[in-house]
Amino acid sequence: GRKPAACRQLASRARVNIRNARRRFAMPREQ
């Protein structure tokens, strides 16, 4: 129930708030 532009802003704010938690590299399974 929001305009697409508002949804874009919601997603952008979310990325800023969680950026430190996003995986920076994928560790090989065996390692």
ModelCIF file with pLDDT and N, C-alpha, C, O atoms, coordinates in Angstrom:
data_MODEL
#
_entry.id   MODEL 
#
_entity.id                         1 
_entity.type                       polymer 
_entity.pdbx_number_of_molecules   1 
#
_entity_poly.entity_id                      1 
_entity_poly.type                           'polypeptide(L)' 
_entity_poly.nstd_linkage                   no 
_entity_poly.nstd_monomer                   no 
_entity_poly.pdbx_seq_one_letter_code       GRKPAACRQLASRARVNIRNARRRFAMPREQ 
_entity_poly.pdbx_seq_one_letter_code_can   GRKPAACRQLASRARVNIRNARRRFAMPREQ 
_entity_poly.pdbx_strand_id                 A 
#
loop_
_entity_poly_seq.entity_id 
_entity_poly_seq.num 
_entity_poly_seq.mon_id 
_entity_poly_seq.hetero 
1 1  GLY n 
1 2  ARG n 
1 3  LYS n 
1 4  PRO n 
1 5  ALA n 
1 6  ALA n 
1 7  CYS n 
1 8  ARG n 
1 9  GLN n 
1 10 LEU n 
1 11 ALA n 
1 12 SER n 
1 13 ARG n 
1 14 ALA n 
1 15 ARG n 
1 16 VAL n 
1 17 ASN n 
1 18 ILE n 
1 19 ARG n 
1 20 ASN n 
1 21 ALA n 
1 22 ARG n 
1 23 ARG n 
1 24 ARG n 
1 25 PHE n 
1 26 ALA n 
1 27 MET n 
1 28 PRO n 
1 29 ARG n 
1 30 GLU n 
1 31 GLN n 
#
_struct_asym.id          A 
_struct_asym.entity_id   1 
#
loop_
_ma_qa_metric.id 
_ma_qa_metric.mode 
_ma_qa_metric.name 
_ma_qa_metric.software_group_id 
_ma_qa_metric.type 
1 global pLDDT . pLDDT 
2 local  pLDDT . pLDDT 
#
_ma_qa_metric_global.metric_id      1 
_ma_qa_metric_global.metric_value   87.97 
_ma_qa_metric_global.model_id       1 
_ma_qa_metric_global.ordinal_id     1 
#
loop_
_ma_qa_metric_local.label_asym_id 
_ma_qa_metric_local.label_comp_id 
_ma_qa_metric_local.label_seq_id 
_ma_qa_metric_local.metric_id 
_ma_qa_metric_local.metric_value 
_ma_qa_metric_local.model_id 
_ma_qa_metric_local.ordinal_id 
A GLY 1  2 95.00 1 1  
A ARG 2  2 96.00 1 2  
A LYS 3  2 97.00 1 3  
A PRO 4  2 97.00 1 4  
A ALA 5  2 97.00 1 5  
A ALA 6  2 98.00 1 6  
A CYS 7  2 98.00 1 7  
A ARG 8  2 97.00 1 8  
A GLN 9  2 97.00 1 9  
A LEU 10 2 97.00 1 10 
A ALA 11 2 97.00 1 11 
A SER 12 2 96.00 1 12 
A ARG 13 2 96.00 1 13 
A ALA 14 2 95.00 1 14 
A ARG 15 2 94.00 1 15 
A VAL 16 2 93.00 1 16 
A ASN 17 2 90.00 1 17 
A ILE 18 2 90.00 1 18 
A ARG 19 2 84.00 1 19 
A ASN 20 2 74.00 1 20 
A ALA 21 2 73.00 1 21 
A ARG 22 2 72.00 1 22 
A ARG 23 2 67.00 1 23 
A ARG 24 2 63.00 1 24 
A PHE 25 2 64.00 1 25 
A ALA 26 2 71.00 1 26 
A MET 27 2 77.00 1 27 
A PRO 28 2 86.00 1 28 
A ARG 29 2 88.00 1 29 
A GLU 30 2 93.00 1 30 
A GLN 31 2 95.00 1 31 
#
loop_
_atom_site.group_PDB 
_atom_site.id 
_atom_site.type_symbol 
_atom_site.label_atom_id 
_atom_site.label_alt_id 
_atom_site.label_comp_id 
_atom_site.label_asym_id 
_atom_site.label_entity_id 
_atom_site.label_seq_id 
_atom_site.pdbx_PDB_ins_code 
_atom_site.Cartn_x 
_atom_site.Cartn_y 
_atom_site.Cartn_z 
_atom_site.occupancy 
_atom_site.B_iso_or_equiv 
_atom_site.pdbx_formal_charge 
_atom_site.auth_seq_id 
_atom_site.auth_comp_id 
_atom_site.auth_asym_id 
_atom_site.auth_atom_id 
_atom_site.pdbx_PDB_model_num 
ATOM 1   N N  . GLY A 1 1  ? 0.790  -1.224  0.000  1.00 95.00 ? 1  GLY A N  1 
ATOM 2   C CA . GLY A 1 1  ? 0.000  0.000   0.000  1.00 95.00 ? 1  GLY A CA 1 
ATOM 3   C C  . GLY A 1 1  ? 0.822  1.272   0.000  1.00 95.00 ? 1  GLY A C  1 
ATOM 4   O O  . GLY A 1 1  ? 0.440  2.262   0.624  1.00 95.00 ? 1  GLY A O  1 
ATOM 5   N N  . ARG A 1 2  ? 1.960  1.253   -0.703 1.00 96.00 ? 2  ARG A N  1 
ATOM 6   C CA . ARG A 1 2  ? 2.814  2.433   -0.830 1.00 96.00 ? 2  ARG A CA 1 
ATOM 7   C C  . ARG A 1 2  ? 3.155  2.658   -2.300 1.00 96.00 ? 2  ARG A C  1 
ATOM 8   O O  . ARG A 1 2  ? 3.067  1.737   -3.112 1.00 96.00 ? 2  ARG A O  1 
ATOM 9   N N  . LYS A 1 3  ? 3.540  3.876   -2.634 1.00 97.00 ? 3  LYS A N  1 
ATOM 10  C CA . LYS A 1 3  ? 3.957  4.152   -3.997 1.00 97.00 ? 3  LYS A CA 1 
ATOM 11  C C  . LYS A 1 3  ? 5.312  3.484   -4.267 1.00 97.00 ? 3  LYS A C  1 
ATOM 12  O O  . LYS A 1 3  ? 6.099  3.301   -3.339 1.00 97.00 ? 3  LYS A O  1 
ATOM 13  N N  . PRO A 1 4  ? 5.595  3.117   -5.527 1.00 97.00 ? 4  PRO A N  1 
ATOM 14  C CA . PRO A 1 4  ? 6.870  2.473   -5.833 1.00 97.00 ? 4  PRO A CA 1 
ATOM 15  C C  . PRO A 1 4  ? 8.084  3.267   -5.359 1.00 97.00 ? 4  PRO A C  1 
ATOM 16  O O  . PRO A 1 4  ? 9.059  2.687   -4.882 1.00 97.00 ? 4  PRO A O  1 
ATOM 17  N N  . ALA A 1 5  ? 8.027  4.599   -5.488 1.00 97.00 ? 5  ALA A N  1 
ATOM 18  C CA . ALA A 1 5  ? 9.160  5.422   -5.039 1.00 97.00 ? 5  ALA A CA 1 
ATOM 19  C C  . ALA A 1 5  ? 9.374  5.289   -3.535 1.00 97.00 ? 5  ALA A C  1 
ATOM 20  O O  . ALA A 1 5  ? 10.514 5.256   -3.070 1.00 97.00 ? 5  ALA A O  1 
ATOM 21  N N  . ALA A 1 6  ? 8.294  5.214   -2.782 1.00 98.00 ? 6  ALA A N  1 
ATOM 22  C CA . ALA A 1 6  ? 8.399  5.044   -1.332 1.00 98.00 ? 6  ALA A CA 1 
ATOM 23  C C  . ALA A 1 6  ? 8.984  3.676   -0.996 1.00 98.00 ? 6  ALA A C  1 
ATOM 24  O O  . ALA A 1 6  ? 9.764  3.542   -0.053 1.00 98.00 ? 6  ALA A O  1 
ATOM 25  N N  . CYS A 1 7  ? 8.608  2.668   -1.766 1.00 98.00 ? 7  CYS A N  1 
ATOM 26  C CA . CYS A 1 7  ? 9.153  1.318   -1.553 1.00 98.00 ? 7  CYS A CA 1 
ATOM 27  C C  . CYS A 1 7  ? 10.645 1.289   -1.849 1.00 98.00 ? 7  CYS A C  1 
ATOM 28  O O  . CYS A 1 7  ? 11.413 0.605   -1.173 1.00 98.00 ? 7  CYS A O  1 
ATOM 29  N N  . ARG A 1 8  ? 11.041 2.037   -2.863 1.00 97.00 ? 8  ARG A N  1 
ATOM 30  C CA . ARG A 1 8  ? 12.473 2.114   -3.194 1.00 97.00 ? 8  ARG A CA 1 
ATOM 31  C C  . ARG A 1 8  ? 13.246 2.725   -2.014 1.00 97.00 ? 8  ARG A C  1 
ATOM 32  O O  . ARG A 1 8  ? 14.341 2.273   -1.679 1.00 97.00 ? 8  ARG A O  1 
ATOM 33  N N  . GLN A 1 9  ? 12.666 3.750   -1.395 1.00 97.00 ? 9  GLN A N  1 
ATOM 34  C CA . GLN A 1 9  ? 13.307 4.379   -0.242 1.00 97.00 ? 9  GLN A CA 1 
ATOM 35  C C  . GLN A 1 9  ? 13.350 3.434   0.959  1.00 97.00 ? 9  GLN A C  1 
ATOM 36  O O  . GLN A 1 9  ? 14.338 3.399   1.692  1.00 97.00 ? 9  GLN A O  1 
ATOM 37  N N  . LEU A 1 10 ? 12.277 2.673   1.156  1.00 97.00 ? 10 LEU A N  1 
ATOM 38  C CA . LEU A 1 10 ? 12.262 1.698   2.245  1.00 97.00 ? 10 LEU A CA 1 
ATOM 39  C C  . LEU A 1 10 ? 13.394 0.680   2.084  1.00 97.00 ? 10 LEU A C  1 
ATOM 40  O O  . LEU A 1 10 ? 14.104 0.374   3.043  1.00 97.00 ? 10 LEU A O  1 
ATOM 41  N N  . ALA A 1 11 ? 13.555 0.165   0.879  1.00 97.00 ? 11 ALA A N  1 
ATOM 42  C CA . ALA A 1 11 ? 14.609 -0.822  0.617  1.00 97.00 ? 11 ALA A CA 1 
ATOM 43  C C  . ALA A 1 11 ? 15.988 -0.201  0.792  1.00 97.00 ? 11 ALA A C  1 
ATOM 44  O O  . ALA A 1 11 ? 16.905 -0.845  1.302  1.00 97.00 ? 11 ALA A O  1 
ATOM 45  N N  . SER A 1 12 ? 16.131 1.050   0.369  1.00 96.00 ? 12 SER A N  1 
ATOM 46  C CA . SER A 1 12 ? 17.417 1.738   0.488  1.00 96.00 ? 12 SER A CA 1 
ATOM 47  C C  . SER A 1 12 ? 17.794 1.931   1.958  1.00 96.00 ? 12 SER A C  1 
ATOM 48  O O  . SER A 1 12 ? 18.941 1.703   2.342  1.00 96.00 ? 12 SER A O  1 
ATOM 49  N N  . ARG A 1 13 ? 16.828 2.352   2.780  1.00 96.00 ? 13 ARG A N  1 
ATOM 50  C CA . ARG A 1 13 ? 17.096 2.518   4.201  1.00 96.00 ? 13 ARG A CA 1 
ATOM 51  C C  . ARG A 1 13 ? 17.459 1.184   4.846  1.00 96.00 ? 13 ARG A C  1 
ATOM 52  O O  . ARG A 1 13 ? 18.326 1.113   5.716  1.00 96.00 ? 13 ARG A O  1 
ATOM 53  N N  . ALA A 1 14 ? 16.783 0.139   4.405  1.00 95.00 ? 14 ALA A N  1 
ATOM 54  C CA . ALA A 1 14 ? 17.073 -1.184  4.948  1.00 95.00 ? 14 ALA A CA 1 
ATOM 55  C C  . ALA A 1 14 ? 18.511 -1.582  4.641  1.00 95.00 ? 14 ALA A C  1 
ATOM 56  O O  . ALA A 1 14 ? 19.205 -2.105  5.513  1.00 95.00 ? 14 ALA A O  1 
ATOM 57  N N  . ARG A 1 15 ? 18.965 -1.343  3.423  1.00 94.00 ? 15 ARG A N  1 
ATOM 58  C CA . ARG A 1 15 ? 20.332 -1.718  3.046  1.00 94.00 ? 15 ARG A CA 1 
ATOM 59  C C  . ARG A 1 15 ? 21.357 -1.002  3.924  1.00 94.00 ? 15 ARG A C  1 
ATOM 60  O O  . ARG A 1 15 ? 22.351 -1.598  4.337  1.00 94.00 ? 15 ARG A O  1 
ATOM 61  N N  . VAL A 1 16 ? 21.114 0.268   4.205  1.00 93.00 ? 16 VAL A N  1 
ATOM 62  C CA . VAL A 1 16 ? 22.034 1.033   5.047  1.00 93.00 ? 16 VAL A CA 1 
ATOM 63  C C  . VAL A 1 16 ? 22.081 0.447   6.455  1.00 93.00 ? 16 VAL A C  1 
ATOM 64  O O  . VAL A 1 16 ? 23.152 0.329   7.050  1.00 93.00 ? 16 VAL A O  1 
ATOM 65  N N  . ASN A 1 17 ? 20.922 0.082   6.979  1.00 90.00 ? 17 ASN A N  1 
ATOM 66  C CA . ASN A 1 17 ? 20.839 -0.403  8.357  1.00 90.00 ? 17 ASN A CA 1 
ATOM 67  C C  . ASN A 1 17 ? 21.442 -1.786  8.558  1.00 90.00 ? 17 ASN A C  1 
ATOM 68  O O  . ASN A 1 17 ? 21.850 -2.128  9.667  1.00 90.00 ? 17 ASN A O  1 
ATOM 69  N N  . ILE A 1 18 ? 21.502 -2.582  7.497  1.00 90.00 ? 18 ILE A N  1 
ATOM 70  C CA . ILE A 1 18 ? 21.969 -3.968  7.670  1.00 90.00 ? 18 ILE A CA 1 
ATOM 71  C C  . ILE A 1 18 ? 23.247 -4.263  6.904  1.00 90.00 ? 18 ILE A C  1 
ATOM 72  O O  . ILE A 1 18 ? 23.669 -5.417  6.827  1.00 90.00 ? 18 ILE A O  1 
ATOM 73  N N  . ARG A 1 19 ? 23.869 -3.232  6.335  1.00 84.00 ? 19 ARG A N  1 
ATOM 74  C CA . ARG A 1 19 ? 25.007 -3.495  5.446  1.00 84.00 ? 19 ARG A CA 1 
ATOM 75  C C  . ARG A 1 19 ? 26.153 -4.226  6.142  1.00 84.00 ? 19 ARG A C  1 
ATOM 76  O O  . ARG A 1 19 ? 26.836 -5.033  5.511  1.00 84.00 ? 19 ARG A O  1 
ATOM 77  N N  . ASN A 1 20 ? 26.377 -3.960  7.431  1.00 74.00 ? 20 ASN A N  1 
ATOM 78  C CA . ASN A 1 20 ? 27.473 -4.638  8.134  1.00 74.00 ? 20 ASN A CA 1 
ATOM 79  C C  . ASN A 1 20 ? 27.203 -6.115  8.365  1.00 74.00 ? 20 ASN A C  1 
ATOM 80  O O  . ASN A 1 20 ? 28.124 -6.885  8.636  1.00 74.00 ? 20 ASN A O  1 
ATOM 81  N N  . ALA A 1 21 ? 25.933 -6.513  8.259  1.00 73.00 ? 21 ALA A N  1 
ATOM 82  C CA . ALA A 1 21 ? 25.589 -7.915  8.496  1.00 73.00 ? 21 ALA A CA 1 
ATOM 83  C C  . ALA A 1 21 ? 25.596 -8.750  7.225  1.00 73.00 ? 21 ALA A C  1 
ATOM 84  O O  . ALA A 1 21 ? 25.487 -9.974  7.288  1.00 73.00 ? 21 ALA A O  1 
ATOM 85  N N  . ARG A 1 22 ? 25.723 -8.104  6.079  1.00 72.00 ? 22 ARG A N  1 
ATOM 86  C CA . ARG A 1 22 ? 25.700 -8.849  4.824  1.00 72.00 ? 22 ARG A CA 1 
ATOM 87  C C  . ARG A 1 22 ? 27.027 -9.562  4.622  1.00 72.00 ? 22 ARG A C  1 
ATOM 88  O O  . ARG A 1 22 ? 28.089 -9.024  4.934  1.00 72.00 ? 22 ARG A O  1 
ATOM 89  N N  . ARG A 1 23 ? 26.957 -10.755 4.107  1.00 67.00 ? 23 ARG A N  1 
ATOM 90  C CA . ARG A 1 23 ? 28.137 -11.592 3.931  1.00 67.00 ? 23 ARG A CA 1 
ATOM 91  C C  . ARG A 1 23 ? 29.107 -10.941 2.949  1.00 67.00 ? 23 ARG A C  1 
ATOM 92  O O  . ARG A 1 23 ? 28.747 -10.626 1.815  1.00 67.00 ? 23 ARG A O  1 
ATOM 93  N N  . ARG A 1 24 ? 30.354 -10.744 3.410  1.00 63.00 ? 24 ARG A N  1 
ATOM 94  C CA . ARG A 1 24 ? 31.341 -10.100 2.547  1.00 63.00 ? 24 ARG A CA 1 
ATOM 95  C C  . ARG A 1 24 ? 32.023 -11.094 1.616  1.00 63.00 ? 24 ARG A C  1 
ATOM 96  O O  . ARG A 1 24 ? 32.497 -10.720 0.543  1.00 63.00 ? 24 ARG A O  1 
ATOM 97  N N  . PHE A 1 25 ? 32.074 -12.355 2.024  1.00 64.00 ? 25 PHE A N  1 
ATOM 98  C CA . PHE A 1 25 ? 32.651 -13.378 1.153  1.00 64.00 ? 25 PHE A CA 1 
ATOM 99  C C  . PHE A 1 25 ? 32.056 -14.718 1.541  1.00 64.00 ? 25 PHE A C  1 
ATOM 100 O O  . PHE A 1 25 ? 31.704 -14.945 2.698  1.00 64.00 ? 25 PHE A O  1 
ATOM 101 N N  . ALA A 1 26 ? 31.952 -15.580 0.584  1.00 71.00 ? 26 ALA A N  1 
ATOM 102 C CA . ALA A 1 26 ? 31.403 -16.907 0.844  1.00 71.00 ? 26 ALA A CA 1 
ATOM 103 C C  . ALA A 1 26 ? 32.547 -17.860 1.180  1.00 71.00 ? 26 ALA A C  1 
ATOM 104 O O  . ALA A 1 26 ? 33.471 -18.033 0.386  1.00 71.00 ? 26 ALA A O  1 
ATOM 105 N N  . MET A 1 27 ? 32.481 -18.460 2.328  1.00 77.00 ? 27 MET A N  1 
ATOM 106 C CA . MET A 1 27 ? 33.521 -19.401 2.736  1.00 77.00 ? 27 MET A CA 1 
ATOM 107 C C  . MET A 1 27 ? 33.299 -20.748 2.066  1.00 77.00 ? 27 MET A C  1 
ATOM 108 O O  . MET A 1 27 ? 32.177 -21.254 2.056  1.00 77.00 ? 27 MET A O  1 
ATOM 109 N N  . PRO A 1 28 ? 34.355 -21.339 1.504  1.00 86.00 ? 28 PRO A N  1 
ATOM 110 C CA . PRO A 1 28 ? 34.213 -22.681 0.934  1.00 86.00 ? 28 PRO A CA 1 
ATOM 111 C C  . PRO A 1 28 ? 33.648 -23.640 1.980  1.00 86.00 ? 28 PRO A C  1 
ATOM 112 O O  . PRO A 1 28 ? 34.034 -23.603 3.148  1.00 86.00 ? 28 PRO A O  1 
ATOM 113 N N  . ARG A 1 29 ? 32.743 -24.483 1.548  1.00 88.00 ? 29 ARG A N  1 
ATOM 114 C CA . ARG A 1 29 ? 32.057 -25.388 2.468  1.00 88.00 ? 29 ARG A CA 1 
ATOM 115 C C  . ARG A 1 29 ? 33.033 -26.225 3.290  1.00 88.00 ? 29 ARG A C  1 
ATOM 116 O O  . ARG A 1 29 ? 32.881 -26.340 4.506  1.00 88.00 ? 29 ARG A O  1 
ATOM 117 N N  . GLU A 1 30 ? 34.027 -26.804 2.638  1.00 93.00 ? 30 GLU A N  1 
ATOM 118 C CA . GLU A 1 30 ? 34.952 -27.691 3.334  1.00 93.00 ? 30 GLU A CA 1 
ATOM 119 C C  . GLU A 1 30 ? 35.727 -26.941 4.412  1.00 93.00 ? 30 GLU A C  1 
ATOM 120 O O  . GLU A 1 30 ? 35.941 -27.462 5.507  1.00 93.00 ? 30 GLU A O  1 
ATOM 121 N N  . GLN A 1 31 ? 36.149 -25.714 4.097  1.00 95.00 ? 31 GLN A N  1 
ATOM 122 C CA . GLN A 1 31 ? 36.915 -24.928 5.062  1.00 95.00 ? 31 GLN A CA 1 
ATOM 123 C C  . GLN A 1 31 ? 36.065 -24.590 6.283  1.00 95.00 ? 31 GLN A C  1 
ATOM 124 O O  . GLN A 1 31 ? 36.543 -23.931 7.206  1.00 95.00 ? 31 GLN A O  1 
#
